[in-house]
Amino acid sequence: MQDPKTGKRILDPVERAKLGLQVIAMSPDDATAAIDRYVDGKGYDEEGVAFFKDQVVIQARIRDEGAKLLDTSGQILRLVAGAFVARMPKSGSNGDASGA
């Protein structure tokens, strides 16, 4: 596809999807380099390519921050569960488990 304003090629949705699947698991630097290799010398609109690169970098940041959040949530759950277990009455300590 071509941009009617600039006459340069644009990354159409199918190309963006295919390229996105290739770079989704890469680091932002590796993904940017892969995108640069893909568009090199093919006359793509620089502004559209830069926008796509920004989207890929944002997605990587979201993935990384999500992993940190998941890790933090696990730590909080461990602390809460540990505190809950520590505060539970010990059964059999007075010889009568019924509490009477």
C-alpha atoms as a PDB file:
ATOM      1  CA  MET A   1       0.000   0.000   0.000  1.00  0.00           C
ATOM      2  CA  GLN A   2       1.043   3.579  -0.582  1.00  0.00           C
ATOM      3  CA  ASP A   3       0.407   6.685   1.465  1.00  0.00           C
ATOM      4  CA  PRO A   4      -1.566   9.047  -0.792  1.00  0.00           C
ATOM      5  CA  LYS A   5       0.120  12.077   0.817  1.00  0.00           C
ATOM      6  CA  THR A   6       3.756  11.002   0.547  1.00  0.00           C
ATOM      7  CA  GLY A   7       3.607   8.378  -2.188  1.00  0.00           C
ATOM      8  CA  LYS A   8       5.755   6.082  -0.037  1.00  0.00           C
ATOM      9  CA  ARG A   9       4.878   2.553   1.016  1.00  0.00           C
ATOM     10  CA  ILE A  10       3.161   2.039   4.343  1.00  0.00           C
ATOM     11  CA  LEU A  11       3.116  -1.009   6.564  1.00  0.00           C
ATOM     12  CA  ASP A  12      -0.326  -2.392   5.897  1.00  0.00           C
ATOM     13  CA  PRO A  13      -2.179  -4.276   8.669  1.00  0.00           C
ATOM     14  CA  VAL A  14      -1.195  -7.707   7.353  1.00  0.00           C
ATOM     15  CA  GLU A  15       2.500  -6.767   7.181  1.00  0.00           C
ATOM     16  CA  ARG A  16       2.332  -5.245  10.647  1.00  0.00           C
ATOM     17  CA  ALA A  17       0.704  -8.399  12.038  1.00  0.00           C
ATOM     18  CA  LYS A  18       3.278 -10.712  10.440  1.00  0.00           C
ATOM     19  CA  LEU A  19       6.195  -8.537  11.497  1.00  0.00           C
ATOM     20  CA  GLY A  20       4.709  -8.089  14.961  1.00  0.00           C
ATOM     21  CA  LEU A  21       4.527 -11.855  15.457  1.00  0.00           C
ATOM     22  CA  GLN A  22       8.192 -12.144  14.482  1.00  0.00           C
ATOM     23  CA  VAL A  23       9.382  -9.503  16.949  1.00  0.00           C
ATOM     24  CA  ILE A  24       6.935  -9.901  19.851  1.00  0.00           C
ATOM     25  CA  ALA A  25       9.275 -11.985  22.009  1.00  0.00           C
ATOM     26  CA  MET A  26      12.394  -9.955  21.199  1.00  0.00           C
ATOM     27  CA  SER A  27      13.971  -7.245  23.311  1.00  0.00           C
ATOM     28  CA  PRO A  28      13.093  -3.728  22.148  1.00  0.00           C
ATOM     29  CA  ASP A  29      16.554  -3.245  20.617  1.00  0.00           C
ATOM     30  CA  ASP A  30      16.430  -6.545  18.727  1.00  0.00           C
ATOM     31  CA  ALA A  31      12.873  -5.870  17.571  1.00  0.00           C
ATOM     32  CA  THR A  32      13.806  -2.403  16.310  1.00  0.00           C
ATOM     33  CA  ALA A  33      16.770  -3.858  14.421  1.00  0.00           C
ATOM     34  CA  ALA A  34      14.558  -6.556  12.868  1.00  0.00           C
ATOM     35  CA  ILE A  35      12.049  -3.933  11.749  1.00  0.00           C
ATOM     36  CA  ASP A  36      14.870  -1.852  10.274  1.00  0.00           C
ATOM     37  CA  ARG A  37      16.119  -4.892   8.335  1.00  0.00           C
ATOM     38  CA  TYR A  38      12.589  -5.574   7.050  1.00  0.00           C
ATOM     39  CA  VAL A  39      11.986  -2.050   5.736  1.00  0.00           C
ATOM     40  CA  ASP A  40      15.559  -1.312   4.598  1.00  0.00           C
ATOM     41  CA  GLY A  41      15.670  -0.069   1.035  1.00  0.00           C
ATOM     42  CA  LYS A  42      11.992  -0.722   0.323  1.00  0.00           C
ATOM     43  CA  GLY A  43      10.798   2.896   0.393  1.00  0.00           C
ATOM     44  CA  TYR A  44       8.569   2.703   3.449  1.00  0.00           C
ATOM     45  CA  ASP A  45       7.225   5.892   5.025  1.00  0.00           C
ATOM     46  CA  GLU A  46       9.611   6.696   7.884  1.00  0.00           C
ATOM     47  CA  GLU A  47       6.903   8.175  10.098  1.00  0.00           C
ATOM     48  CA  GLY A  48       4.745   5.034   9.867  1.00  0.00           C
ATOM     49  CA  VAL A  49       7.732   2.793  10.561  1.00  0.00           C
ATOM     50  CA  ALA A  50       8.715   4.913  13.579  1.00  0.00           C
ATOM     51  CA  PHE A  51       5.142   4.676  14.893  1.00  0.00           C
ATOM     52  CA  PHE A  52       5.208   0.876  14.534  1.00  0.00           C
ATOM     53  CA  LYS A  53       8.558   0.705  16.343  1.00  0.00           C
ATOM     54  CA  ASP A  54       7.101   2.794  19.180  1.00  0.00           C
ATOM     55  CA  GLN A  55       4.181   0.382  19.435  1.00  0.00           C
ATOM     56  CA  VAL A  56       6.558  -2.586  19.661  1.00  0.00           C
ATOM     57  CA  VAL A  57       8.653  -0.873  22.361  1.00  0.00           C
ATOM     58  CA  ILE A  58       5.512  -0.013  24.358  1.00  0.00           C
ATOM     59  CA  GLN A  59       4.310  -3.618  24.089  1.00  0.00           C
ATOM     60  CA  ALA A  60       7.674  -4.862  25.393  1.00  0.00           C
ATOM     61  CA  ARG A  61       7.474  -2.407  28.303  1.00  0.00           C
ATOM     62  CA  ILE A  62       3.943  -3.579  29.122  1.00  0.00           C
ATOM     63  CA  ARG A  63       5.127  -7.196  29.042  1.00  0.00           C
ATOM     64  CA  ASP A  64       8.063  -6.440  31.348  1.00  0.00           C
ATOM     65  CA  GLU A  65       6.002  -4.388  33.789  1.00  0.00           C
ATOM     66  CA  GLY A  66       3.313  -7.085  33.794  1.00  0.00           C
ATOM     67  CA  ALA A  67       5.917  -9.682  34.731  1.00  0.00           C
ATOM     68  CA  LYS A  68       7.142  -7.461  37.579  1.00  0.00           C
ATOM     69  CA  LEU A  69       3.572  -6.958  38.788  1.00  0.00           C
ATOM     70  CA  LEU A  70       2.920 -10.692  38.707  1.00  0.00           C
ATOM     71  CA  ASP A  71       6.100 -11.341  40.699  1.00  0.00           C
ATOM     72  CA  THR A  72       5.175  -8.686  43.266  1.00  0.00           C
ATOM     73  CA  SER A  73       1.664 -10.114  43.558  1.00  0.00           C
ATOM     74  CA  GLY A  74       3.123 -13.548  44.238  1.00  0.00           C
ATOM     75  CA  GLN A  75       5.342 -12.144  46.971  1.00  0.00           C
ATOM     76  CA  ILE A  76       2.381 -10.386  48.599  1.00  0.00           C
ATOM     77  CA  LEU A  77       0.295 -13.554  48.473  1.00  0.00           C
ATOM     78  CA  ARG A  78       3.128 -15.531  50.067  1.00  0.00           C
ATOM     79  CA  LEU A  79       3.414 -13.000  52.889  1.00  0.00           C
ATOM     80  CA  VAL A  80      -0.342 -12.973  53.520  1.00  0.00           C
ATOM     81  CA  ALA A  81      -0.566 -16.770  53.464  1.00  0.00           C
ATOM     82  CA  GLY A  82       2.434 -17.049  55.785  1.00  0.00           C
ATOM     83  CA  ALA A  83       0.933 -14.546  58.227  1.00  0.00           C
ATOM     84  CA  PHE A  84      -2.404 -16.348  58.113  1.00  0.00           C
ATOM     85  CA  VAL A  85      -0.813 -19.717  58.836  1.00  0.00           C
ATOM     86  CA  ALA A  86       1.332 -18.255  61.617  1.00  0.00           C
ATOM     87  CA  ARG A  87      -1.735 -16.795  63.368  1.00  0.00           C
ATOM     88  CA  MET A  88      -3.797 -19.990  63.173  1.00  0.00           C
ATOM     89  CA  PRO A  89      -4.302 -21.676  66.536  1.00  0.00           C
ATOM     90  CA  LYS A  90      -2.216 -24.772  66.970  1.00  0.00           C
ATOM     91  CA  SER A  91      -4.499 -27.777  67.256  1.00  0.00           C
ATOM     92  CA  GLY A  92      -3.720 -30.293  69.959  1.00  0.00           C
ATOM     93  CA  SER A  93      -1.631 -27.897  72.065  1.00  0.00           C
ATOM     94  CA  ASN A  94      -4.010 -28.111  75.034  1.00  0.00           C
ATOM     95  CA  GLY A  95      -5.035 -31.699  74.394  1.00  0.00           C
ATOM     96  CA  ASP A  96      -8.552 -30.779  73.271  1.00  0.00           C
ATOM     97  CA  ALA A  97      -9.029 -29.957  69.604  1.00  0.00           C
ATOM     98  CA  SER A  98     -12.673 -28.970  70.092  1.00  0.00           C
ATOM     99  CA  GLY A  99     -11.761 -25.767  71.949  1.00  0.00           C
ATOM    100  CA  ALA A 100     -14.103 -26.486  74.899  1.00  0.00           C
END
